[in-house]
PDB file of all heavy atoms in Angstrom:
ATOM      1  N   ILE A   1     124.940 105.576  99.519  1.00  0.00           N
ATOM      2  CA  ILE A   1     124.689 107.032  99.684  1.00  0.00           C
ATOM      3  C   ILE A   1     124.705 107.326 101.184  1.00  0.00           C
ATOM      4  O   ILE A   1     123.827 106.963 101.939  1.00  0.00           O
ATOM      5  CB  ILE A   1     123.334 107.462  99.087  1.00  0.00           C
ATOM      6  CG1 ILE A   1     123.330 107.220  97.583  1.00  0.00           C
ATOM      7  CG2 ILE A   1     123.039 108.912  99.385  1.00  0.00           C
ATOM      8  CD1 ILE A   1     122.001 107.499  96.906  1.00  0.00           C
ATOM      9  N   ARG A   2     125.776 108.008 101.621  1.00  0.00           N
ATOM     10  CA  ARG A   2     125.889 108.432 103.028  1.00  0.00           C
ATOM     11  C   ARG A   2     125.677 107.289 104.014  1.00  0.00           C
ATOM     12  O   ARG A   2     125.104 107.426 105.084  1.00  0.00           O
ATOM     13  CB  ARG A   2     124.910 109.562 103.343  1.00  0.00           C
ATOM     14  CG  ARG A   2     125.010 110.792 102.423  1.00  0.00           C
ATOM     15  CD  ARG A   2     124.063 111.903 102.880  1.00  0.00           C
ATOM     16  NE  ARG A   2     122.681 111.545 102.775  1.00  0.00           N
ATOM     17  CZ  ARG A   2     121.946 111.749 101.672  1.00  0.00           C
ATOM     18  NH1 ARG A   2     122.449 112.332 100.590  1.00  0.00           N
ATOM     19  NH2 ARG A   2     120.652 111.415 101.701  1.00  0.00           N
ATOM     20  N   ASP A   3     126.146 106.083 103.621  1.00  0.00           N
ATOM     21  CA  ASP A   3     125.997 104.874 104.403  1.00  0.00           C
ATOM     22  C   ASP A   3     124.534 104.642 104.812  1.00  0.00           C
ATOM     23  O   ASP A   3     124.265 104.063 105.861  1.00  0.00           O
ATOM     24  CB  ASP A   3     126.876 104.989 105.691  1.00  0.00           C
ATOM     25  CG  ASP A   3     128.348 104.988 105.357  1.00  0.00           C
ATOM     26  OD1 ASP A   3     128.723 104.274 104.455  1.00  0.00           O
ATOM     27  OD2 ASP A   3     129.077 105.711 106.038  1.00  0.00           O
ATOM     28  N   GLY A   4     123.592 105.045 103.933  1.00  0.00           N
ATOM     29  CA  GLY A   4     122.205 104.798 104.161  1.00  0.00           C
ATOM     30  C   GLY A   4     121.514 105.821 105.037  1.00  0.00           C
ATOM     31  O   GLY A   4     120.342 105.690 105.391  1.00  0.00           O
ATOM     32  N   ARG A   5     122.245 106.868 105.429  1.00  0.00           N
ATOM     33  CA  ARG A   5     121.675 107.904 106.309  1.00  0.00           C
ATOM     34  C   ARG A   5     120.788 108.864 105.505  1.00  0.00           C
ATOM     35  O   ARG A   5     121.254 109.466 104.599  1.00  0.00           O
ATOM     36  CB  ARG A   5     122.765 108.667 107.068  1.00  0.00           C
ATOM     37  CG  ARG A   5     123.581 107.846 108.038  1.00  0.00           C
ATOM     38  CD  ARG A   5     124.501 108.686 108.908  1.00  0.00           C
ATOM     39  NE  ARG A   5     125.402 109.466 108.096  1.00  0.00           N
ATOM     40  CZ  ARG A   5     126.607 109.005 107.684  1.00  0.00           C
ATOM     41  NH1 ARG A   5     126.973 107.783 107.983  1.00  0.00           N
ATOM     42  NH2 ARG A   5     127.398 109.768 106.970  1.00  0.00           N
ATOM     43  N   MET A   6     119.550 108.977 105.936  1.00  0.00           N
ATOM     44  CA  MET A   6     118.586 109.798 105.235  1.00  0.00           C
ATOM     45  C   MET A   6     118.746 111.256 105.635  1.00  0.00           C
ATOM     46  O   MET A   6     119.015 111.602 106.739  1.00  0.00           O
ATOM     47  CB  MET A   6     117.193 109.297 105.620  1.00  0.00           C
ATOM     48  CG  MET A   6     116.049 110.178 105.055  1.00  0.00           C
ATOM     49  SD  MET A   6     114.433 109.629 105.696  1.00  0.00           S
ATOM     50  CE  MET A   6     113.441 111.063 105.248  1.00  0.00           C
ATOM     51  N   MET A   7     118.557 112.162 104.623  1.00  0.00           N
ATOM     52  CA  MET A   7     118.431 113.546 104.915  1.00  0.00           C
ATOM     53  C   MET A   7     116.997 113.985 104.568  1.00  0.00           C
ATOM     54  O   MET A   7     116.281 113.301 103.823  1.00  0.00           O
ATOM     55  CB  MET A   7     119.403 114.344 104.001  1.00  0.00           C
ATOM     56  CG  MET A   7     120.874 114.105 104.342  1.00  0.00           C
ATOM     57  SD  MET A   7     122.011 114.893 103.159  1.00  0.00           S
ATOM     58  CE  MET A   7     121.511 116.625 103.291  1.00  0.00           C
ATOM     59  N   ASP A   8     116.557 115.062 105.140  1.00  0.00           N
ATOM     60  CA  ASP A   8     115.168 115.554 104.873  1.00  0.00           C
ATOM     61  C   ASP A   8     114.888 115.725 103.398  1.00  0.00           C
ATOM     62  O   ASP A   8     113.811 115.463 102.908  1.00  0.00           O
ATOM     63  CB  ASP A   8     114.903 116.846 105.643  1.00  0.00           C
ATOM     64  CG  ASP A   8     114.824 116.686 107.149  1.00  0.00           C
ATOM     65  OD1 ASP A   8     114.675 115.500 107.594  1.00  0.00           O
ATOM     66  OD2 ASP A   8     114.979 117.666 107.869  1.00  0.00           O
ATOM     67  N   SER A   9     115.899 116.171 102.647  1.00  0.00           N
ATOM     68  CA  SER A   9     115.720 116.435 101.197  1.00  0.00           C
ATOM     69  C   SER A   9     115.460 115.168 100.403  1.00  0.00           C
ATOM     70  O   SER A   9     114.936 115.223  99.307  1.00  0.00           O
ATOM     71  CB  SER A   9     116.966 117.147 100.686  1.00  0.00           C
ATOM     72  OG  SER A   9     118.166 116.361 100.864  1.00  0.00           O
ATOM     73  N   ASP A  10     115.846 113.991 100.962  1.00  0.00           N
ATOM     74  CA  ASP A  10     115.647 112.743 100.218  1.00  0.00           C
ATOM     75  C   ASP A  10     114.175 112.450  99.980  1.00  0.00           C
ATOM     76  O   ASP A  10     113.802 111.740  99.050  1.00  0.00           O
ATOM     77  CB  ASP A  10     116.279 111.586 100.967  1.00  0.00           C
ATOM     78  CG  ASP A  10     117.814 111.658 101.009  1.00  0.00           C
ATOM     79  OD1 ASP A  10     118.408 112.057 100.013  1.00  0.00           O
ATOM     80  OD2 ASP A  10     118.366 111.357 102.081  1.00  0.00           O
ATOM     81  N   VAL A  11     113.311 112.968 100.828  1.00  0.00           N
ATOM     82  CA  VAL A  11     111.861 112.727 100.676  1.00  0.00           C
ATOM     83  C   VAL A  11     111.408 113.182  99.288  1.00  0.00           C
ATOM     84  O   VAL A  11     110.573 112.545  98.655  1.00  0.00           O
ATOM     85  CB  VAL A  11     111.064 113.444 101.810  1.00  0.00           C
ATOM     86  CG1 VAL A  11     109.585 113.354 101.537  1.00  0.00           C
ATOM     87  CG2 VAL A  11     111.418 112.894 103.154  1.00  0.00           C
ATOM     88  N   VAL A  12     111.976 114.294  98.820  1.00  0.00           N
ATOM     89  CA  VAL A  12     111.667 114.803  97.490  1.00  0.00           C
ATOM     90  C   VAL A  12     112.630 114.298  96.454  1.00  0.00           C
ATOM     91  O   VAL A  12     112.260 113.843  95.367  1.00  0.00           O
ATOM     92  CB  VAL A  12     111.652 116.350  97.489  1.00  0.00           C
ATOM     93  CG1 VAL A  12     111.483 116.881  96.082  1.00  0.00           C
ATOM     94  CG2 VAL A  12     110.498 116.851  98.371  1.00  0.00           C
ATOM     95  N   ASP A  13     113.909 114.273  96.776  1.00  0.00           N
ATOM     96  CA  ASP A  13     114.986 113.970  95.791  1.00  0.00           C
ATOM     97  C   ASP A  13     114.880 112.537  95.342  1.00  0.00           C
ATOM     98  O   ASP A  13     115.143 112.253  94.153  1.00  0.00           O
ATOM     99  CB  ASP A  13     116.332 114.215  96.401  1.00  0.00           C
ATOM    100  CG  ASP A  13     116.662 115.670  96.595  1.00  0.00           C
ATOM    101  OD1 ASP A  13     115.982 116.494  95.962  1.00  0.00           O
ATOM    102  OD2 ASP A  13     117.569 115.997  97.411  1.00  0.00           O
ATOM    103  N   TYR A  14     114.489 111.604  96.229  1.00  0.00           N
ATOM    104  CA  TYR A  14     114.480 110.178  95.898  1.00  0.00           C
ATOM    105  C   TYR A  14     113.082 109.758  95.432  1.00  0.00           C
ATOM    106  O   TYR A  14     112.581 108.729  95.853  1.00  0.00           O
ATOM    107  CB  TYR A  14     114.912 109.367  97.123  1.00  0.00           C
ATOM    108  CG  TYR A  14     115.415 107.973  96.832  1.00  0.00           C
ATOM    109  CD1 TYR A  14     116.469 107.729  95.988  1.00  0.00           C
ATOM    110  CD2 TYR A  14     114.764 106.890  97.385  1.00  0.00           C
ATOM    111  CE1 TYR A  14     116.953 106.457  95.702  1.00  0.00           C
ATOM    112  CE2 TYR A  14     115.217 105.575  97.122  1.00  0.00           C
ATOM    113  CZ  TYR A  14     116.282 105.361  96.281  1.00  0.00           C
ATOM    114  OH  TYR A  14     116.718 104.080  95.990  1.00  0.00           O
ATOM    115  N   GLN A  15     112.482 110.596  94.606  1.00  0.00           N
ATOM    116  CA  GLN A  15     111.145 110.286  94.088  1.00  0.00           C
ATOM    117  C   GLN A  15     111.031 110.978  92.714  1.00  0.00           C
ATOM    118  O   GLN A  15     111.441 112.126  92.532  1.00  0.00           O
ATOM    119  CB  GLN A  15     110.056 110.890  95.024  1.00  0.00           C
ATOM    120  CG  GLN A  15     108.658 110.381  94.805  1.00  0.00           C
ATOM    121  CD  GLN A  15     108.446 109.035  95.453  1.00  0.00           C
ATOM    122  OE1 GLN A  15     108.593 108.018  94.779  1.00  0.00           O
ATOM    123  NE2 GLN A  15     108.166 108.991  96.784  1.00  0.00           N
ATOM    124  N   THR A  16     110.469 110.296  91.725  1.00  0.00           N
ATOM    125  CA  THR A  16     110.237 110.924  90.438  1.00  0.00           C
ATOM    126  C   THR A  16     109.077 111.891  90.553  1.00  0.00           C
ATOM    127  O   THR A  16     108.231 111.787  91.419  1.00  0.00           O
ATOM    128  CB  THR A  16     109.893 109.875  89.360  1.00  0.00           C
ATOM    129  OG1 THR A  16     108.659 109.239  89.652  1.00  0.00           O
ATOM    130  CG2 THR A  16     111.012 108.786  89.269  1.00  0.00           C
ATOM    131  N   VAL A  17     109.087 112.909  89.655  1.00  0.00           N
ATOM    132  CA  VAL A  17     108.053 113.918  89.706  1.00  0.00           C
ATOM    133  C   VAL A  17     106.694 113.368  89.232  1.00  0.00           C
ATOM    134  O   VAL A  17     105.641 113.993  89.468  1.00  0.00           O
ATOM    135  CB  VAL A  17     108.412 115.183  88.905  1.00  0.00           C
ATOM    136  CG1 VAL A  17     109.658 115.820  89.465  1.00  0.00           C
ATOM    137  CG2 VAL A  17     108.603 114.844  87.402  1.00  0.00           C
ATOM    138  N   TYR A  18     106.711 112.205  88.593  1.00  0.00           N
ATOM    139  CA  TYR A  18     105.439 111.606  88.070  1.00  0.00           C
ATOM    140  C   TYR A  18     105.074 110.376  88.890  1.00  0.00           C
ATOM    141  O   TYR A  18     104.176 109.620  88.507  1.00  0.00           O
ATOM    142  CB  TYR A  18     105.583 111.291  86.581  1.00  0.00           C
ATOM    143  CG  TYR A  18     106.826 110.544  86.222  1.00  0.00           C
ATOM    144  CD1 TYR A  18     106.992 109.169  86.402  1.00  0.00           C
ATOM    145  CD2 TYR A  18     107.910 111.250  85.616  1.00  0.00           C
ATOM    146  CE1 TYR A  18     108.158 108.522  86.063  1.00  0.00           C
ATOM    147  CE2 TYR A  18     109.091 110.587  85.276  1.00  0.00           C
ATOM    148  CZ  TYR A  18     109.197 109.245  85.488  1.00  0.00           C
ATOM    149  OH  TYR A  18     110.346 108.565  85.145  1.00  0.00           O
ATOM    150  N   ALA A  19     105.752 110.162  90.027  1.00  0.00           N
ATOM    151  CA  ALA A  19     105.372 108.982  90.880  1.00  0.00           C
ATOM    152  C   ALA A  19     103.946 109.056  91.292  1.00  0.00           C
ATOM    153  O   ALA A  19     103.468 110.139  91.733  1.00  0.00           O
ATOM    154  CB  ALA A  19     106.304 108.946  92.098  1.00  0.00           C
ATOM    155  N   ASP A  20     103.232 107.923  91.189  1.00  0.00           N
ATOM    156  CA  ASP A  20     101.810 107.985  91.419  1.00  0.00           C
ATOM    157  C   ASP A  20     101.271 106.773  92.202  1.00  0.00           C
ATOM    158  O   ASP A  20     100.323 106.890  92.964  1.00  0.00           O
ATOM    159  CB  ASP A  20     101.056 108.062  90.068  1.00  0.00           C
ATOM    160  CG  ASP A  20      99.557 108.159  90.222  1.00  0.00           C
ATOM    161  OD1 ASP A  20      99.084 109.080  90.919  1.00  0.00           O
ATOM    162  OD2 ASP A  20      98.815 107.308  89.652  1.00  0.00           O
ATOM    163  N   ARG A  21     101.920 105.619  92.013  1.00  0.00           N
ATOM    164  CA  ARG A  21     101.376 104.384  92.623  1.00  0.00           C
ATOM    165  C   ARG A  21     102.316 103.828  93.657  1.00  0.00           C
ATOM    166  O   ARG A  21     103.414 103.309  93.284  1.00  0.00           O
ATOM    167  CB  ARG A  21     101.107 103.380  91.482  1.00  0.00           C
ATOM    168  CG  ARG A  21     100.218 103.954  90.411  1.00  0.00           C
ATOM    169  CD  ARG A  21      99.919 102.941  89.311  1.00  0.00           C
ATOM    170  NE  ARG A  21      99.090 101.820  89.834  1.00  0.00           N
ATOM    171  CZ  ARG A  21      98.739 100.785  89.093  1.00  0.00           C
ATOM    172  NH1 ARG A  21      99.067 100.711  87.820  1.00  0.00           N
ATOM    173  NH2 ARG A  21      98.017  99.822  89.669  1.00  0.00           N
ATOM    174  N   PRO A  22     102.015 103.927  94.949  1.00  0.00           N
ATOM    175  CA  PRO A  22     102.927 103.486  95.969  1.00  0.00           C
ATOM    176  C   PRO A  22     103.237 101.989  95.909  1.00  0.00           C
ATOM    177  O   PRO A  22     102.338 101.207  95.564  1.00  0.00           O
ATOM    178  CB  PRO A  22     102.149 103.819  97.284  1.00  0.00           C
ATOM    179  CG  PRO A  22     101.143 104.821  96.876  1.00  0.00           C
ATOM    180  CD  PRO A  22     100.762 104.513  95.468  1.00  0.00           C
ATOM    181  N   GLY A  23     104.487 101.661  96.172  1.00  0.00           N
ATOM    182  CA  GLY A  23     104.817 100.202  96.146  1.00  0.00           C
ATOM    183  C   GLY A  23     106.292  99.878  96.058  1.00  0.00           C
ATOM    184  O   GLY A  23     106.680  98.790  96.345  1.00  0.00           O
ATOM    185  N   SER A  24     107.151 100.856  95.687  1.00  0.00           N
ATOM    186  CA  SER A  24     108.571 100.559  95.519  1.00  0.00           C
ATOM    187  C   SER A  24     109.353 100.812  96.773  1.00  0.00           C
ATOM    188  O   SER A  24     109.031 101.700  97.569  1.00  0.00           O
ATOM    189  CB  SER A  24     109.160 101.441  94.368  1.00  0.00           C
ATOM    190  OG  SER A  24     108.807 100.955  93.120  1.00  0.00           O
ATOM    191  N   VAL A  25     110.384 100.004  97.029  1.00  0.00           N
ATOM    192  CA  VAL A  25     111.286 100.196  98.145  1.00  0.00           C
ATOM    193  C   VAL A  25     112.593 100.819  97.693  1.00  0.00           C
ATOM    194  O   VAL A  25     113.509 101.041  98.512  1.00  0.00           O
ATOM    195  CB  VAL A  25     111.534  98.917  98.895  1.00  0.00           C
ATOM    196  CG1 VAL A  25     110.238  98.354  99.434  1.00  0.00           C
ATOM    197  CG2 VAL A  25     112.244  97.864  98.084  1.00  0.00           C
ATOM    198  N   ALA A  26     112.694 101.080  96.397  1.00  0.00           N
ATOM    199  CA  ALA A  26     113.848 101.800  95.827  1.00  0.00           C
ATOM    200  C   ALA A  26     113.378 102.578  94.620  1.00  0.00           C
ATOM    201  O   ALA A  26     112.409 102.129  93.951  1.00  0.00           O
ATOM    202  CB  ALA A  26     114.965 100.831  95.426  1.00  0.00           C
ATOM    203  N   ALA A  27     113.991 103.662  94.348  1.00  0.00           N
ATOM    204  CA  ALA A  27     113.503 104.547  93.232  1.00  0.00           C
ATOM    205  C   ALA A  27     113.906 103.967  91.880  1.00  0.00           C
ATOM    206  O   ALA A  27     114.996 103.393  91.723  1.00  0.00           O
ATOM    207  CB  ALA A  27     114.116 105.953  93.378  1.00  0.00           C
ATOM    208  N   PRO A  28     113.012 104.117  90.859  1.00  0.00           N
ATOM    209  CA  PRO A  28     113.413 103.869  89.484  1.00  0.00           C
ATOM    210  C   PRO A  28     114.252 105.071  89.021  1.00  0.00           C
ATOM    211  O   PRO A  28     113.777 106.083  88.542  1.00  0.00           O
ATOM    212  CB  PRO A  28     112.087 103.797  88.736  1.00  0.00           C
ATOM    213  CG  PRO A  28     111.117 104.566  89.583  1.00  0.00           C
ATOM    214  CD  PRO A  28     111.609 104.514  91.000  1.00  0.00           C
ATOM    215  N   THR A  29     115.588 104.909  89.208  1.00  0.00           N
ATOM    216  CA  THR A  29     116.448 106.081  89.258  1.00  0.00           C
ATOM    217  C   THR A  29     116.622 106.870  88.008  1.00  0.00           C
ATOM    218  O   THR A  29     116.907 108.055  88.044  1.00  0.00           O
ATOM    219  CB  THR A  29     117.859 105.689  89.801  1.00  0.00           C
ATOM    220  OG1 THR A  29     118.372 104.614  88.973  1.00  0.00           O
ATOM    221  CG2 THR A  29     117.754 105.176  91.222  1.00  0.00           C
ATOM    222  N   ALA A  30     116.425 106.216  86.817  1.00  0.00           N
ATOM    223  CA  ALA A  30     116.576 107.006  85.578  1.00  0.00           C
ATOM    224  C   ALA A  30     115.543 108.137  85.519  1.00  0.00           C
ATOM    225  O   ALA A  30     115.786 109.213  84.998  1.00  0.00           O
ATOM    226  CB  ALA A  30     116.412 106.085  84.363  1.00  0.00           C
ATOM    227  N   GLY A  31     114.372 107.860  86.139  1.00  0.00           N
ATOM    228  CA  GLY A  31     113.312 108.869  86.112  1.00  0.00           C
ATOM    229  C   GLY A  31     113.559 110.041  87.044  1.00  0.00           C
ATOM    230  O   GLY A  31     112.863 111.053  86.943  1.00  0.00           O
ATOM    231  N   LEU A  32     114.528 109.951  87.943  1.00  0.00           N
ATOM    232  CA  LEU A  32     114.829 111.013  88.856  1.00  0.00           C
ATOM    233  C   LEU A  32     115.323 112.271  88.128  1.00  0.00           C
ATOM    234  O   LEU A  32     115.310 113.392  88.738  1.00  0.00           O
ATOM    235  CB  LEU A  32     115.858 110.611  89.878  1.00  0.00           C
ATOM    236  CG  LEU A  32     115.452 109.497  90.871  1.00  0.00           C
ATOM    237  CD1 LEU A  32     116.584 109.157  91.839  1.00  0.00           C
ATOM    238  CD2 LEU A  32     114.215 109.828  91.683  1.00  0.00           C
ATOM    239  N   HIS A  33     115.769 112.108  86.918  1.00  0.00           N
ATOM    240  CA  HIS A  33     116.368 113.247  86.170  1.00  0.00           C
ATOM    241  C   HIS A  33     115.316 114.191  85.564  1.00  0.00           C
ATOM    242  O   HIS A  33     115.634 115.320  85.161  1.00  0.00           O
ATOM    243  CB  HIS A  33     117.243 112.749  85.078  1.00  0.00           C
ATOM    244  CG  HIS A  33     118.431 111.958  85.564  1.00  0.00           C
ATOM    245  ND1 HIS A  33     119.462 112.521  86.277  1.00  0.00           N
ATOM    246  CD2 HIS A  33     118.711 110.625  85.438  1.00  0.00           C
ATOM    247  CE1 HIS A  33     120.337 111.567  86.572  1.00  0.00           C
ATOM    248  NE2 HIS A  33     119.888 110.418  86.105  1.00  0.00           N
ATOM    249  N   PHE A  34     114.052 113.747  85.519  1.00  0.00           N
ATOM    250  CA  PHE A  34     113.038 114.517  84.824  1.00  0.00           C
ATOM    251  C   PHE A  34     112.348 115.514  85.771  1.00  0.00           C
ATOM    252  O   PHE A  34     112.130 115.273  86.940  1.00  0.00           O
ATOM    253  CB  PHE A  34     111.966 113.622  84.246  1.00  0.00           C
ATOM    254  CG  PHE A  34     112.458 112.820  83.074  1.00  0.00           C
ATOM    255  CD1 PHE A  34     113.107 111.618  83.230  1.00  0.00           C
ATOM    256  CD2 PHE A  34     112.238 113.264  81.764  1.00  0.00           C
ATOM    257  CE1 PHE A  34     113.577 110.883  82.166  1.00  0.00           C
ATOM    258  CE2 PHE A  34     112.693 112.561  80.679  1.00  0.00           C
ATOM    259  CZ  PHE A  34     113.355 111.354  80.873  1.00  0.00           C
ATOM    260  N   THR A  35     112.083 116.714  85.192  1.00  0.00           N
ATOM    261  CA  THR A  35     111.237 117.725  85.841  1.00  0.00           C
ATOM    262  C   THR A  35     109.962 117.885  85.019  1.00  0.00           C
ATOM    263  O   THR A  35     109.930 117.512  83.826  1.00  0.00           O
ATOM    264  CB  THR A  35     111.941 119.056  85.950  1.00  0.00           C
ATOM    265  OG1 THR A  35     112.185 119.540  84.620  1.00  0.00           O
ATOM    266  CG2 THR A  35     113.280 118.938  86.698  1.00  0.00           C
ATOM    267  N   LYS A  36     108.942 118.445  85.609  1.00  0.00           N
ATOM    268  CA  LYS A  36     107.715 118.670  84.878  1.00  0.00           C
ATOM    269  C   LYS A  36     107.943 119.645  83.660  1.00  0.00           C
ATOM    270  O   LYS A  36     107.387 119.361  82.612  1.00  0.00           O
ATOM    271  CB  LYS A  36     106.592 119.175  85.814  1.00  0.00           C
ATOM    272  CG  LYS A  36     106.124 118.118  86.787  1.00  0.00           C
ATOM    273  CD  LYS A  36     105.007 118.586  87.676  1.00  0.00           C
ATOM    274  CE  LYS A  36     104.537 117.437  88.610  1.00  0.00           C
ATOM    275  NZ  LYS A  36     103.439 117.911  89.520  1.00  0.00           N
ATOM    276  N   PRO A  37     108.692 120.703  83.861  1.00  0.00           N
ATOM    277  CA  PRO A  37     108.943 121.552  82.647  1.00  0.00           C
ATOM    278  C   PRO A  37     109.689 120.808  81.554  1.00  0.00           C
ATOM    279  O   PRO A  37     109.382 121.010  80.376  1.00  0.00           O
ATOM    280  CB  PRO A  37     109.802 122.679  83.207  1.00  0.00           C
ATOM    281  CG  PRO A  37     109.394 122.806  84.643  1.00  0.00           C
ATOM    282  CD  PRO A  37     109.184 121.384  85.087  1.00  0.00           C
ATOM    283  N   LEU A  38     110.649 119.899  81.893  1.00  0.00           N
ATOM    284  CA  LEU A  38     111.375 119.164  80.852  1.00  0.00           C
ATOM    285  C   LEU A  38     110.395 118.215  80.153  1.00  0.00           C
ATOM    286  O   LEU A  38     110.475 118.122  78.910  1.00  0.00           O
ATOM    287  CB  LEU A  38     112.494 118.362  81.492  1.00  0.00           C
ATOM    288  CG  LEU A  38     113.256 117.474  80.508  1.00  0.00           C
ATOM    289  CD1 LEU A  38     113.969 118.280  79.437  1.00  0.00           C
ATOM    290  CD2 LEU A  38     114.254 116.588  81.263  1.00  0.00           C
ATOM    291  N   ILE A  39     109.519 117.580  80.871  1.00  0.00           N
ATOM    292  CA  ILE A  39     108.571 116.677  80.226  1.00  0.00           C
ATOM    293  C   ILE A  39     107.690 117.445  79.257  1.00  0.00           C
ATOM    294  O   ILE A  39     107.380 116.955  78.158  1.00  0.00           O
ATOM    295  CB  ILE A  39     107.722 115.947  81.288  1.00  0.00           C
ATOM    296  CG1 ILE A  39     108.648 115.004  82.093  1.00  0.00           C
ATOM    297  CG2 ILE A  39     106.550 115.175  80.683  1.00  0.00           C
ATOM    298  CD1 ILE A  39     107.956 114.377  83.300  1.00  0.00           C
ATOM    299  N   GLU A  40     107.289 118.636  79.643  1.00  0.00           N
ATOM    300  CA  GLU A  40     106.467 119.465  78.769  1.00  0.00           C
ATOM    301  C   GLU A  40     107.222 119.863  77.500  1.00  0.00           C
ATOM    302  O   GLU A  40     106.696 119.810  76.391  1.00  0.00           O
ATOM    303  CB  GLU A  40     105.970 120.694  79.512  1.00  0.00           C
ATOM    304  CG  GLU A  40     105.048 121.584  78.663  1.00  0.00           C
ATOM    305  CD  GLU A  40     103.827 120.842  78.140  1.00  0.00           C
ATOM    306  OE1 GLU A  40     103.288 119.947  78.800  1.00  0.00           O
ATOM    307  OE2 GLU A  40     103.388 121.220  77.013  1.00  0.00           O
ATOM    308  N   GLN A  41     108.505 120.203  77.671  1.00  0.00           N
ATOM    309  CA  GLN A  41     109.340 120.535  76.508  1.00  0.00           C
ATOM    310  C   GLN A  41     109.456 119.362  75.573  1.00  0.00           C
ATOM    311  O   GLN A  41     109.422 119.481  74.317  1.00  0.00           O
ATOM    312  CB  GLN A  41     110.720 121.020  76.965  1.00  0.00           C
ATOM    313  CG  GLN A  41     110.768 122.362  77.703  1.00  0.00           C
ATOM    314  CD  GLN A  41     112.124 122.613  78.280  1.00  0.00           C
ATOM    315  OE1 GLN A  41     113.147 122.165  77.757  1.00  0.00           O
ATOM    316  NE2 GLN A  41     112.181 123.334  79.349  1.00  0.00           N
ATOM    317  N   ILE A  42     109.649 118.164  76.139  1.00  0.00           N
ATOM    318  CA  ILE A  42     109.768 116.955  75.340  1.00  0.00           C
ATOM    319  C   ILE A  42     108.518 116.736  74.528  1.00  0.00           C
ATOM    320  O   ILE A  42     108.589 116.412  73.311  1.00  0.00           O
ATOM    321  CB  ILE A  42     110.090 115.777  76.280  1.00  0.00           C
ATOM    322  CG1 ILE A  42     111.546 115.833  76.741  1.00  0.00           C
ATOM    323  CG2 ILE A  42     109.836 114.448  75.576  1.00  0.00           C
ATOM    324  CD1 ILE A  42     111.893 114.858  77.836  1.00  0.00           C
TER     325      ILE A  42
END
């Protein structure tokens, strides 16, 4: 992704909306697709 160059938006984009316990050095990427409204609909 952009040869590893970070953008300010990555701080939010590269994190799941339910992330709670610090410890990962890479995102669990399947979870990036969920929003809080979608979880509530589900």
